[in-house]
Protein backbone atom coordinates (compact mmCIF):
# COMPACT_ATOMS: atom_id res chain seq x y z
CA MET A 1 39.42 25.28 -129.31
CA ALA A 2 41.26 24.61 -132.52
CA LYS A 3 40.97 20.82 -132.49
CA LEU A 4 37.56 20.93 -134.17
CA THR A 5 38.72 23.21 -136.97
CA ASN A 6 42.15 21.62 -137.52
CA LEU A 7 41.24 19.21 -140.31
CA PHE A 8 44.78 17.83 -140.46
CA GLU A 9 44.43 16.31 -136.97
CA TRP A 10 40.88 14.95 -137.24
CA GLY A 11 42.13 11.38 -137.53
CA MET A 12 43.84 11.75 -134.16
CA THR A 13 41.21 13.87 -132.35
CA THR A 14 38.55 12.30 -130.15
CA VAL A 15 35.41 13.76 -128.61
CA VAL A 16 37.22 13.53 -125.26
CA ASP A 17 39.96 15.76 -126.69
CA LEU A 18 37.31 18.34 -127.65
CA PHE A 19 35.86 18.28 -124.12
CA LYS A 20 39.32 18.66 -122.55
CA GLU A 21 40.09 21.60 -124.80
CA ALA A 22 36.74 23.22 -123.91
CA GLU A 23 37.48 22.81 -120.18
CA GLU A 24 40.79 24.61 -120.59
CA ALA A 25 39.39 27.47 -122.67
CA GLU A 26 38.73 30.81 -121.00
CA GLY A 27 35.63 32.83 -121.72
CA ASN A 28 33.19 32.03 -124.50
CA GLN A 29 34.41 29.92 -127.37
CA LEU A 30 32.66 29.05 -130.63
CA GLU A 31 34.07 26.80 -133.32
CA MET A 32 32.13 25.74 -136.40
CA VAL A 33 32.84 23.46 -139.33
CA GLU A 34 30.58 23.12 -142.36
CA MET A 35 31.21 20.57 -145.10
CA GLU A 36 29.46 19.32 -148.19
CA LEU A 37 28.98 15.56 -148.28
CA LYS A 38 29.39 13.33 -151.33
CA ASN A 39 25.61 13.15 -151.73
CA GLY A 40 25.38 16.96 -151.99
CA ARG A 41 23.95 17.50 -148.50
CA THR A 42 25.71 19.69 -145.96
CA VAL A 43 26.77 18.82 -142.42
CA ALA A 44 27.69 21.40 -139.78
CA ILE A 45 29.36 20.81 -136.43
CA ALA A 46 29.48 23.49 -133.73
CA LEU A 47 31.33 23.40 -130.42
CA ILE A 48 30.31 26.07 -127.93
CA SER A 49 31.76 26.49 -124.44
CA GLY A 50 31.74 29.16 -121.79
CA PRO A 51 29.27 31.09 -119.68
CA TYR A 52 26.86 31.66 -122.59
CA ALA A 53 26.89 28.10 -123.99
CA HIS A 54 23.53 27.28 -122.38
CA ASP A 55 21.92 30.40 -123.86
CA MET A 56 23.34 29.64 -127.32
CA THR A 57 22.11 26.05 -127.11
CA GLN A 58 18.63 27.24 -126.15
CA MET A 59 18.59 29.63 -129.12
CA MET A 60 19.43 26.73 -131.46
CA ARG A 61 16.70 24.58 -129.91
CA ASP A 62 14.20 27.40 -130.36
CA ALA A 63 15.22 27.82 -134.01
CA LYS A 64 14.88 24.08 -134.57
CA SER A 65 11.37 24.03 -133.11
CA ARG A 66 10.29 26.99 -135.29
CA ALA A 67 11.73 25.30 -138.39
CA GLY A 68 9.56 22.27 -137.77
């Protein structure tokens, strides 16, 4: 799943492309991008696919609920 982390192709990559790439991937895949915005805040994007994606998503939801 390199489409998310290939910054040179972002202008040509759609969310549908990310889903297609995830469907073709074997096993568990995790891609993350973290960037600082012009206003100094940070944005992070994660794409998780595979048998453990549901468990990983639940862990993030649990962390979000504990953080308030």
